[in-house]
Amino acid sequence: MDALLVVRKTKGLTSRDVVNSLNHILSTKKIGHTGTLDPIASGVLVCLIGKYTKLVNLITSYDKEYIAEIKLGIKTDTQDITGNVISKENTSLSLDKIKEVFSNFPSVYTQEVPIYSAVKINGKKLYEYAREKIDITLPKRRVNVYSLELLSFKDNIITFKTRVSKGTYIRSLIQDICTNLNTIGTMNNLIRTKQGNFDINNSYTLEDIKNNNYKLLNIKELLNYPIIELNDTLIKKVSNGAIIPNTFNIKDKVIFTYQNKDIAIYEVKDINLKPYIML
């Protein structure tokens, strides 16, 4: 089985839990996900099956959209509501102030990676340093915030929608929003609503999948690249990963097939085409 499946993860499960369940339901071990969601979070978890696991880096690079909640006046060690409270303060923010911060928030900035994350430093995950109470300089990343929309503000909870680039941590984004608001806050809830064009409205719960109520996507449905059927001469070259002339006038990438089987994705290199992913 080679396919993509858009799963709707529920709260309380890790991304690994979802993959483990899919291994059992679909009777295959070769499954990977394309972007970790913390147990507190729910929503779109794109999973790849079989040889499509080779597309992990490609799908992971897609922009992501979230709906998130900030609980103001509280700070935790994990930067979300599941953590230990380390600080509290009274807040009296106006709606106008929040609107001002949201409208002026930078679209590109350097973000600090949260200590409770799986990013590795010297071969060790950051959350392991945190649990062992070892001080470590946290890495920083340049991220893009393509949109930041205030949805509501009620009972000291800000709800917003955002679309961000790969590698953006919403917990860190929330901390930076709170810094600009001159207050403290923590992530109260998080829903990933989109990853690339994969939408939560077209996703399936584990229960749906158990009940055989789901749709698998093939490479032609998930990648907007030209599709070219190889002849008997080119199939030998492409199957061996050879560089071939760009006689097809491809501008970026192309999917090569042979007898309706996916063979490879090639990309433009100067005047030629070279292997991008062998399928």
C-alpha atoms as a PDB file:
ATOM      1  CA  MET A   1       0.000   0.000   0.000  1.00  0.00           C
ATOM      2  CA  ASP A   2       1.450   3.343  -1.125  1.00  0.00           C
ATOM      3  CA  ALA A   3      -0.714   6.325  -0.218  1.00  0.00           C
ATOM      4  CA  LEU A   4      -1.291   9.502   1.777  1.00  0.00           C
ATOM      5  CA  LEU A   5      -3.893   9.645   4.544  1.00  0.00           C
ATOM      6  CA  VAL A   6      -5.062  12.845   6.246  1.00  0.00           C
ATOM      7  CA  VAL A   7      -5.758  11.946   9.874  1.00  0.00           C
ATOM      8  CA  ARG A   8      -7.634  14.139  12.362  1.00  0.00           C
ATOM      9  CA  LYS A   9      -5.716  13.628  15.582  1.00  0.00           C
ATOM     10  CA  THR A  10      -7.654  13.944  18.812  1.00  0.00           C
ATOM     11  CA  LYS A  11      -6.399  15.446  22.066  1.00  0.00           C
ATOM     12  CA  GLY A  12      -4.490  13.186  24.413  1.00  0.00           C
ATOM     13  CA  LEU A  13      -2.694  11.198  21.731  1.00  0.00           C
ATOM     14  CA  THR A  14       0.880  11.691  20.601  1.00  0.00           C
ATOM     15  CA  SER A  15       1.646  11.663  16.888  1.00  0.00           C
ATOM     16  CA  ARG A  16       3.461   8.374  17.498  1.00  0.00           C
ATOM     17  CA  ASP A  17       0.279   6.951  19.075  1.00  0.00           C
ATOM     18  CA  VAL A  18      -1.583   7.732  15.856  1.00  0.00           C
ATOM     19  CA  VAL A  19       1.043   6.005  13.718  1.00  0.00           C
ATOM     20  CA  ASN A  20       1.027   2.969  16.021  1.00  0.00           C
ATOM     21  CA  SER A  21      -2.764   2.719  15.685  1.00  0.00           C
ATOM     22  CA  LEU A  22      -2.545   3.017  11.901  1.00  0.00           C
ATOM     23  CA  ASN A  23       0.084   0.253  11.826  1.00  0.00           C
ATOM     24  CA  HIS A  24      -2.480  -2.023  13.455  1.00  0.00           C
ATOM     25  CA  ILE A  25      -5.584  -0.870  11.552  1.00  0.00           C
ATOM     26  CA  LEU A  26      -3.968  -0.905   8.101  1.00  0.00           C
ATOM     27  CA  SER A  27      -1.750  -3.939   8.798  1.00  0.00           C
ATOM     28  CA  THR A  28       1.466  -2.281   7.689  1.00  0.00           C
ATOM     29  CA  LYS A  29       4.527  -1.057   9.573  1.00  0.00           C
ATOM     30  CA  LYS A  30       5.736   1.397   6.964  1.00  0.00           C
ATOM     31  CA  ILE A  31       3.869   4.563   8.014  1.00  0.00           C
ATOM     32  CA  GLY A  32       5.244   7.977   8.930  1.00  0.00           C
ATOM     33  CA  HIS A  33       3.741  11.347   9.863  1.00  0.00           C
ATOM     34  CA  THR A  34       4.790  14.719   8.493  1.00  0.00           C
ATOM     35  CA  GLY A  35       4.731  17.096  11.455  1.00  0.00           C
ATOM     36  CA  THR A  36       4.444  16.382  15.163  1.00  0.00           C
ATOM     37  CA  LEU A  37       1.370  17.509  17.084  1.00  0.00           C
ATOM     38  CA  ASP A  38       1.692  17.620  20.885  1.00  0.00           C
ATOM     39  CA  PRO A  39      -0.833  15.629  22.951  1.00  0.00           C
ATOM     40  CA  ILE A  40      -2.656  18.878  23.832  1.00  0.00           C
ATOM     41  CA  ALA A  41      -3.184  19.596  20.135  1.00  0.00           C
ATOM     42  CA  SER A  42      -5.684  18.167  17.664  1.00  0.00           C
ATOM     43  CA  GLY A  43      -6.289  18.404  13.958  1.00  0.00           C
ATOM     44  CA  VAL A  44      -4.531  17.597  10.702  1.00  0.00           C
ATOM     45  CA  LEU A  45      -1.789  14.973  10.851  1.00  0.00           C
ATOM     46  CA  VAL A  46      -0.719  13.985   7.350  1.00  0.00           C
ATOM     47  CA  CYS A  47       0.474  10.373   7.290  1.00  0.00           C
ATOM     48  CA  LEU A  48       2.375   8.632   4.500  1.00  0.00           C
ATOM     49  CA  ILE A  49       2.175   4.906   3.802  1.00  0.00           C
ATOM     50  CA  GLY A  50       4.572   2.559   2.005  1.00  0.00           C
ATOM     51  CA  LYS A  51       6.975   4.105  -0.476  1.00  0.00           C
ATOM     52  CA  TYR A  52       5.219   7.449  -0.016  1.00  0.00           C
ATOM     53  CA  THR A  53       7.191   7.787   3.229  1.00  0.00           C
ATOM     54  CA  LYS A  54       9.943   9.069   0.924  1.00  0.00           C
ATOM     55  CA  LEU A  55       7.811  12.214   0.555  1.00  0.00           C
ATOM     56  CA  VAL A  56       8.046  13.103   4.276  1.00  0.00           C
ATOM     57  CA  ASN A  57      10.481  16.000   3.853  1.00  0.00           C
ATOM     58  CA  LEU A  58       8.458  17.416   0.962  1.00  0.00           C
ATOM     59  CA  ILE A  59       5.128  17.381   2.831  1.00  0.00           C
ATOM     60  CA  THR A  60       6.735  18.578   6.078  1.00  0.00           C
ATOM     61  CA  SER A  61       7.908  21.711   4.275  1.00  0.00           C
ATOM     62  CA  TYR A  62       4.330  22.854   3.565  1.00  0.00           C
ATOM     63  CA  ASP A  63       2.856  25.860   5.396  1.00  0.00           C
ATOM     64  CA  LYS A  64       0.540  25.091   8.294  1.00  0.00           C
ATOM     65  CA  GLU A  65      -2.601  26.794   9.582  1.00  0.00           C
ATOM     66  CA  TYR A  66      -3.740  26.717  13.213  1.00  0.00           C
ATOM     67  CA  ILE A  67      -6.452  27.977  15.513  1.00  0.00           C
ATOM     68  CA  ALA A  68      -4.947  28.581  18.941  1.00  0.00           C
ATOM     69  CA  GLU A  69      -5.973  29.882  22.352  1.00  0.00           C
ATOM     70  CA  ILE A  70      -3.887  31.968  24.752  1.00  0.00           C
ATOM     71  CA  LYS A  71      -4.815  31.889  28.432  1.00  0.00           C
ATOM     72  CA  LEU A  72      -3.577  35.199  29.826  1.00  0.00           C
ATOM     73  CA  GLY A  73      -2.122  35.796  33.288  1.00  0.00           C
ATOM     74  CA  ILE A  74      -0.453  32.417  33.681  1.00  0.00           C
ATOM     75  CA  LYS A  75       2.925  31.029  32.647  1.00  0.00           C
ATOM     76  CA  THR A  76       3.964  27.361  32.686  1.00  0.00           C
ATOM     77  CA  ASP A  77       7.249  25.538  32.253  1.00  0.00           C
ATOM     78  CA  THR A  78       6.022  23.797  29.073  1.00  0.00           C
ATOM     79  CA  GLN A  79       4.413  26.961  27.635  1.00  0.00           C
ATOM     80  CA  ASP A  80       1.045  25.193  27.498  1.00  0.00           C
ATOM     81  CA  ILE A  81      -1.759  24.565  29.971  1.00  0.00           C
ATOM     82  CA  THR A  82      -0.556  21.020  30.755  1.00  0.00           C
ATOM     83  CA  GLY A  83       2.645  22.283  32.404  1.00  0.00           C
ATOM     84  CA  ASN A  84       3.535  23.363  35.911  1.00  0.00           C
ATOM     85  CA  VAL A  85       2.557  26.945  36.723  1.00  0.00           C
ATOM     86  CA  ILE A  86       5.675  29.042  37.325  1.00  0.00           C
ATOM     87  CA  SER A  87       4.130  32.515  37.347  1.00  0.00           C
ATOM     88  CA  LYS A  88       0.794  34.306  37.673  1.00  0.00           C
ATOM     89  CA  GLU A  89      -0.281  37.908  37.300  1.00  0.00           C
ATOM     90  CA  ASN A  90      -3.451  39.930  36.916  1.00  0.00           C
ATOM     91  CA  THR A  91      -4.121  41.177  33.416  1.00  0.00           C
ATOM     92  CA  SER A  92      -6.319  44.003  32.202  1.00  0.00           C
ATOM     93  CA  LEU A  93      -5.775  44.127  28.480  1.00  0.00           C
ATOM     94  CA  SER A  94      -8.106  46.017  26.188  1.00  0.00           C
ATOM     95  CA  LEU A  95      -9.375  44.622  22.918  1.00  0.00           C
ATOM     96  CA  ASP A  96      -7.807  47.593  21.130  1.00  0.00           C
ATOM     97  CA  LYS A  97      -4.375  46.760  22.536  1.00  0.00           C
ATOM     98  CA  ILE A  98      -4.659  43.142  21.385  1.00  0.00           C
ATOM     99  CA  LYS A  99      -5.793  44.245  17.912  1.00  0.00           C
ATOM    100  CA  GLU A 100      -2.831  46.623  17.727  1.00  0.00           C
ATOM    101  CA  VAL A 101      -0.296  43.902  18.608  1.00  0.00           C
ATOM    102  CA  PHE A 102      -1.814  41.458  16.159  1.00  0.00           C
ATOM    103  CA  SER A 103      -1.893  43.945  13.296  1.00  0.00           C
ATOM    104  CA  ASN A 104       1.723  45.005  13.894  1.00  0.00           C
ATOM    105  CA  PHE A 105       3.222  41.578  14.554  1.00  0.00           C
ATOM    106  CA  PRO A 106       6.198  40.942  12.239  1.00  0.00           C
ATOM    107  CA  SER A 107       5.657  38.645   9.276  1.00  0.00           C
ATOM    108  CA  VAL A 108       9.252  37.384   9.508  1.00  0.00           C
ATOM    109  CA  TYR A 109      11.203  37.121  12.752  1.00  0.00           C
ATOM    110  CA  THR A 110      13.652  35.011  14.747  1.00  0.00           C
ATOM    111  CA  GLN A 111      11.868  32.615  17.099  1.00  0.00           C
ATOM    112  CA  GLU A 112      13.320  30.725  20.046  1.00  0.00           C
ATOM    113  CA  VAL A 113      12.666  26.973  20.059  1.00  0.00           C
ATOM    114  CA  PRO A 114      10.816  25.886  23.247  1.00  0.00           C
ATOM    115  CA  ILE A 115      12.764  23.863  25.789  1.00  0.00           C
ATOM    116  CA  TYR A 116      10.029  21.208  25.762  1.00  0.00           C
ATOM    117  CA  SER A 117      10.575  20.104  22.163  1.00  0.00           C
ATOM    118  CA  ALA A 118      12.260  17.234  20.330  1.00  0.00           C
ATOM    119  CA  VAL A 119      14.915  19.413  18.682  1.00  0.00           C
ATOM    120  CA  LYS A 120      18.345  17.900  19.327  1.00  0.00           C
ATOM    121  CA  ILE A 121      21.401  19.692  20.665  1.00  0.00           C
ATOM    122  CA  ASN A 122      24.593  17.611  20.799  1.00  0.00           C
ATOM    123  CA  GLY A 123      22.565  14.473  20.112  1.00  0.00           C
ATOM    124  CA  LYS A 124      20.164  15.063  23.002  1.00  0.00           C
ATOM    125  CA  LYS A 125      16.550  16.246  22.769  1.00  0.00           C
ATOM    126  CA  LEU A 126      15.756  19.582  24.399  1.00  0.00           C
ATOM    127  CA  TYR A 127      12.994  18.145  26.574  1.00  0.00           C
ATOM    128  CA  GLU A 128      15.554  15.740  28.044  1.00  0.00           C
ATOM    129  CA  TYR A 129      17.652  18.709  29.156  1.00  0.00           C
ATOM    130  CA  ALA A 130      14.505  20.235  30.663  1.00  0.00           C
ATOM    131  CA  ARG A 131      13.574  17.106  32.592  1.00  0.00           C
ATOM    132  CA  GLU A 132      17.116  16.802  33.910  1.00  0.00           C
ATOM    133  CA  LYS A 133      17.103  20.527  34.813  1.00  0.00           C
ATOM    134  CA  ILE A 134      20.213  21.161  32.725  1.00  0.00           C
ATOM    135  CA  ASP A 135      20.646  24.708  31.434  1.00  0.00           C
ATOM    136  CA  ILE A 136      21.050  24.901  27.664  1.00  0.00           C
ATOM    137  CA  THR A 137      21.125  27.765  25.175  1.00  0.00           C
ATOM    138  CA  LEU A 138      17.987  27.376  23.121  1.00  0.00           C
ATOM    139  CA  PRO A 139      18.376  27.492  19.326  1.00  0.00           C
ATOM    140  CA  LYS A 140      16.635  30.184  17.290  1.00  0.00           C
ATOM    141  CA  ARG A 141      15.000  29.948  13.879  1.00  0.00           C
ATOM    142  CA  ARG A 142      13.886  32.417  11.253  1.00  0.00           C
ATOM    143  CA  VAL A 143      10.151  31.853  10.710  1.00  0.00           C
ATOM    144  CA  ASN A 144       7.375  33.328   8.609  1.00  0.00           C
ATOM    145  CA  VAL A 145       3.994  34.353   9.983  1.00  0.00           C
ATOM    146  CA  TYR A 146       1.929  34.689   6.822  1.00  0.00           C
ATOM    147  CA  SER A 147      -1.279  35.623   8.617  1.00  0.00           C
ATOM    148  CA  LEU A 148      -2.337  36.374  12.193  1.00  0.00           C
ATOM    149  CA  GLU A 149      -6.052  36.894  12.711  1.00  0.00           C
ATOM    150  CA  LEU A 150      -7.718  37.680  16.031  1.00  0.00           C
ATOM    151  CA  LEU A 151     -10.917  35.627  16.325  1.00  0.00           C
ATOM    152  CA  SER A 152     -12.135  36.452  19.845  1.00  0.00           C
ATOM    153  CA  PHE A 153     -11.179  37.772  23.282  1.00  0.00           C
ATOM    154  CA  LYS A 154     -13.271  36.626  26.230  1.00  0.00           C
ATOM    155  CA  ASP A 155     -12.613  35.727  29.873  1.00  0.00           C
ATOM    156  CA  ASN A 156      -8.862  36.348  29.520  1.00  0.00           C
ATOM    157  CA  ILE A 157      -8.625  33.936  26.589  1.00  0.00           C
ATOM    158  CA  ILE A 158      -7.459  35.115  23.163  1.00  0.00           C
ATOM    159  CA  THR A 159      -8.422  32.928  20.222  1.00  0.00           C
ATOM    160  CA  PHE A 160      -6.612  33.460  16.935  1.00  0.00           C
ATOM    161  CA  LYS A 161      -5.951  31.876  13.562  1.00  0.00           C
ATOM    162  CA  THR A 162      -2.508  31.842  11.984  1.00  0.00           C
ATOM    163  CA  ARG A 163      -0.699  30.465   8.938  1.00  0.00           C
ATOM    164  CA  VAL A 164       3.008  29.889   9.430  1.00  0.00           C
ATOM    165  CA  SER A 165       6.070  28.385   7.782  1.00  0.00           C
ATOM    166  CA  LYS A 166       7.701  25.064   8.515  1.00  0.00           C
ATOM    167  CA  GLY A 167       9.435  24.934  11.895  1.00  0.00           C
ATOM    168  CA  THR A 168       7.257  27.555  13.602  1.00  0.00           C
ATOM    169  CA  TYR A 169       6.300  26.677  17.179  1.00  0.00           C
ATOM    170  CA  ILE A 170       2.901  28.052  18.160  1.00  0.00           C
ATOM    171  CA  ARG A 171       3.865  27.912  21.835  1.00  0.00           C
ATOM    172  CA  SER A 172       6.799  30.206  21.076  1.00  0.00           C
ATOM    173  CA  LEU A 173       4.613  32.434  18.914  1.00  0.00           C
ATOM    174  CA  ILE A 174       2.229  32.794  21.856  1.00  0.00           C
ATOM    175  CA  GLN A 175       5.093  33.769  24.163  1.00  0.00           C
ATOM    176  CA  ASP A 176       6.195  36.418  21.669  1.00  0.00           C
ATOM    177  CA  ILE A 177       2.646  37.760  21.345  1.00  0.00           C
ATOM    178  CA  CYS A 178       2.413  37.973  25.127  1.00  0.00           C
ATOM    179  CA  THR A 179       5.760  39.778  25.317  1.00  0.00           C
ATOM    180  CA  ASN A 180       4.415  42.376  22.886  1.00  0.00           C
ATOM    181  CA  LEU A 181       1.299  42.643  25.058  1.00  0.00           C
ATOM    182  CA  ASN A 182       3.515  43.209  28.154  1.00  0.00           C
ATOM    183  CA  THR A 183       1.909  40.302  29.953  1.00  0.00           C
ATOM    184  CA  ILE A 184       2.253  36.544  30.399  1.00  0.00           C
ATOM    185  CA  GLY A 185       0.203  33.743  28.916  1.00  0.00           C
ATOM    186  CA  THR A 186       0.245  30.095  27.932  1.00  0.00           C
ATOM    187  CA  MET A 187      -1.205  27.977  25.143  1.00  0.00           C
ATOM    188  CA  ASN A 188      -4.642  26.786  26.220  1.00  0.00           C
ATOM    189  CA  ASN A 189      -5.661  24.878  23.094  1.00  0.00           C
ATOM    190  CA  LEU A 190      -4.365  24.199  19.572  1.00  0.00           C
ATOM    191  CA  ILE A 191      -6.002  22.873  16.410  1.00  0.00           C
ATOM    192  CA  ARG A 192      -4.075  22.370  13.182  1.00  0.00           C
ATOM    193  CA  THR A 193      -6.634  23.161  10.506  1.00  0.00           C
ATOM    194  CA  LYS A 194      -4.428  22.843   7.409  1.00  0.00           C
ATOM    195  CA  GLN A 195      -1.087  21.575   6.183  1.00  0.00           C
ATOM    196  CA  GLY A 196      -0.524  22.760   2.639  1.00  0.00           C
ATOM    197  CA  ASN A 197      -3.817  21.974   0.887  1.00  0.00           C
ATOM    198  CA  PHE A 198      -4.733  19.198   3.325  1.00  0.00           C
ATOM    199  CA  ASP A 199      -7.741  20.498   5.250  1.00  0.00           C
ATOM    200  CA  ILE A 200      -9.274  19.350   8.534  1.00  0.00           C
ATOM    201  CA  ASN A 201     -12.637  19.125   6.767  1.00  0.00           C
ATOM    202  CA  ASN A 202     -11.210  16.358   4.601  1.00  0.00           C
ATOM    203  CA  SER A 203      -9.523  14.419   7.399  1.00  0.00           C
ATOM    204  CA  TYR A 204     -10.446  11.201   9.201  1.00  0.00           C
ATOM    205  CA  THR A 205     -10.413  10.177  12.842  1.00  0.00           C
ATOM    206  CA  LEU A 206      -8.932   6.855  13.896  1.00  0.00           C
ATOM    207  CA  GLU A 207     -12.498   5.699  14.495  1.00  0.00           C
ATOM    208  CA  ASP A 208     -13.408   6.589  10.898  1.00  0.00           C
ATOM    209  CA  ILE A 209     -10.437   4.599   9.659  1.00  0.00           C
ATOM    210  CA  LYS A 210     -11.290   1.608  11.859  1.00  0.00           C
ATOM    211  CA  ASN A 211     -14.767   1.656  10.315  1.00  0.00           C
ATOM    212  CA  ASN A 212     -13.321   1.811   6.800  1.00  0.00           C
ATOM    213  CA  ASN A 213     -14.704   5.325   6.323  1.00  0.00           C
ATOM    214  CA  TYR A 214     -11.741   7.093   4.749  1.00  0.00           C
ATOM    215  CA  LYS A 215     -10.048   7.931   1.447  1.00  0.00           C
ATOM    216  CA  LEU A 216      -6.420   7.321   0.550  1.00  0.00           C
ATOM    217  CA  LEU A 217      -4.744   9.817  -1.767  1.00  0.00           C
ATOM    218  CA  ASN A 218      -2.262   8.928  -4.481  1.00  0.00           C
ATOM    219  CA  ILE A 219       0.654  11.006  -5.698  1.00  0.00           C
ATOM    220  CA  LYS A 220      -1.305  12.431  -8.628  1.00  0.00           C
ATOM    221  CA  GLU A 221      -3.905  13.869  -6.216  1.00  0.00           C
ATOM    222  CA  LEU A 222      -1.489  15.302  -3.688  1.00  0.00           C
ATOM    223  CA  LEU A 223       1.247  16.835  -5.842  1.00  0.00           C
ATOM    224  CA  ASN A 224       0.499  19.461  -8.468  1.00  0.00           C
ATOM    225  CA  TYR A 225       3.267  18.402 -10.850  1.00  0.00           C
ATOM    226  CA  PRO A 226       3.046  17.362 -14.510  1.00  0.00           C
ATOM    227  CA  ILE A 227       2.709  13.596 -15.012  1.00  0.00           C
ATOM    228  CA  ILE A 228       4.588  11.933 -17.860  1.00  0.00           C
ATOM    229  CA  GLU A 229       4.334   8.289 -18.872  1.00  0.00           C
ATOM    230  CA  LEU A 230       7.772   6.913 -19.736  1.00  0.00           C
ATOM    231  CA  ASN A 231       8.530   4.906 -22.844  1.00  0.00           C
ATOM    232  CA  ASP A 232      10.474   1.639 -22.813  1.00  0.00           C
ATOM    233  CA  THR A 233      13.778   3.436 -23.375  1.00  0.00           C
ATOM    234  CA  LEU A 234      13.448   6.108 -20.691  1.00  0.00           C
ATOM    235  CA  ILE A 235      12.082   3.767 -18.029  1.00  0.00           C
ATOM    236  CA  LYS A 236      15.451   2.023 -17.833  1.00  0.00           C
ATOM    237  CA  LYS A 237      17.310   5.297 -17.332  1.00  0.00           C
ATOM    238  CA  VAL A 238      14.850   6.772 -14.847  1.00  0.00           C
ATOM    239  CA  SER A 239      14.635   3.532 -12.846  1.00  0.00           C
ATOM    240  CA  ASN A 240      18.424   3.755 -12.401  1.00  0.00           C
ATOM    241  CA  GLY A 241      18.251   7.411 -11.358  1.00  0.00           C
ATOM    242  CA  ALA A 242      20.017   8.699 -14.447  1.00  0.00           C
ATOM    243  CA  ILE A 243      20.049  12.385 -15.356  1.00  0.00           C
ATOM    244  CA  ILE A 244      18.069  12.914 -18.563  1.00  0.00           C
ATOM    245  CA  PRO A 245      17.584  15.851 -20.969  1.00  0.00           C
ATOM    246  CA  ASN A 246      14.647  18.150 -20.230  1.00  0.00           C
ATOM    247  CA  THR A 247      12.962  17.545 -23.562  1.00  0.00           C
ATOM    248  CA  PHE A 248       9.567  17.862 -21.828  1.00  0.00           C
ATOM    249  CA  ASN A 249      10.078  21.589 -21.056  1.00  0.00           C
ATOM    250  CA  ILE A 250       9.504  21.014 -17.319  1.00  0.00           C
ATOM    251  CA  LYS A 251       9.771  24.202 -15.229  1.00  0.00           C
ATOM    252  CA  ASP A 252      10.137  22.724 -11.725  1.00  0.00           C
ATOM    253  CA  LYS A 253       9.308  19.071 -10.987  1.00  0.00           C
ATOM    254  CA  VAL A 254       7.660  16.174 -12.822  1.00  0.00           C
ATOM    255  CA  ILE A 255       6.169  12.808 -11.845  1.00  0.00           C
ATOM    256  CA  PHE A 256       7.320   9.949 -14.067  1.00  0.00           C
ATOM    257  CA  THR A 257       5.093   6.888 -14.370  1.00  0.00           C
ATOM    258  CA  TYR A 258       5.341   3.617 -16.291  1.00  0.00           C
ATOM    259  CA  GLN A 259       2.388   1.342 -16.949  1.00  0.00           C
ATOM    260  CA  ASN A 260       0.411   3.428 -14.410  1.00  0.00           C
ATOM    261  CA  LYS A 261       3.002   2.887 -11.663  1.00  0.00           C
ATOM    262  CA  ASP A 262       4.759   5.800  -9.953  1.00  0.00           C
ATOM    263  CA  ILE A 263       8.481   5.598 -10.723  1.00  0.00           C
ATOM    264  CA  ALA A 264      10.103   8.855  -9.607  1.00  0.00           C
ATOM    265  CA  ILE A 265       9.850  12.583  -9.112  1.00  0.00           C
ATOM    266  CA  TYR A 266      12.467  14.487 -11.100  1.00  0.00           C
ATOM    267  CA  GLU A 267      13.430  18.159 -10.857  1.00  0.00           C
ATOM    268  CA  VAL A 268      15.034  20.645 -13.215  1.00  0.00           C
ATOM    269  CA  LYS A 269      18.813  20.955 -13.033  1.00  0.00           C
ATOM    270  CA  ASP A 270      20.236  23.424 -15.554  1.00  0.00           C
ATOM    271  CA  ILE A 271      19.062  22.032 -18.926  1.00  0.00           C
ATOM    272  CA  ASN A 272      18.478  18.520 -17.572  1.00  0.00           C
ATOM    273  CA  LEU A 273      16.218  16.620 -15.203  1.00  0.00           C
ATOM    274  CA  LYS A 274      17.682  14.856 -12.183  1.00  0.00           C
ATOM    275  CA  PRO A 275      16.154  12.545  -9.528  1.00  0.00           C
ATOM    276  CA  TYR A 276      14.375  14.296  -6.654  1.00  0.00           C
ATOM    277  CA  ILE A 277      12.659  11.296  -5.057  1.00  0.00           C
ATOM    278  CA  MET A 278      12.826   7.730  -6.348  1.00  0.00           C
ATOM    279  CA  LEU A 279       9.564   5.897  -5.761  1.00  0.00           C
END
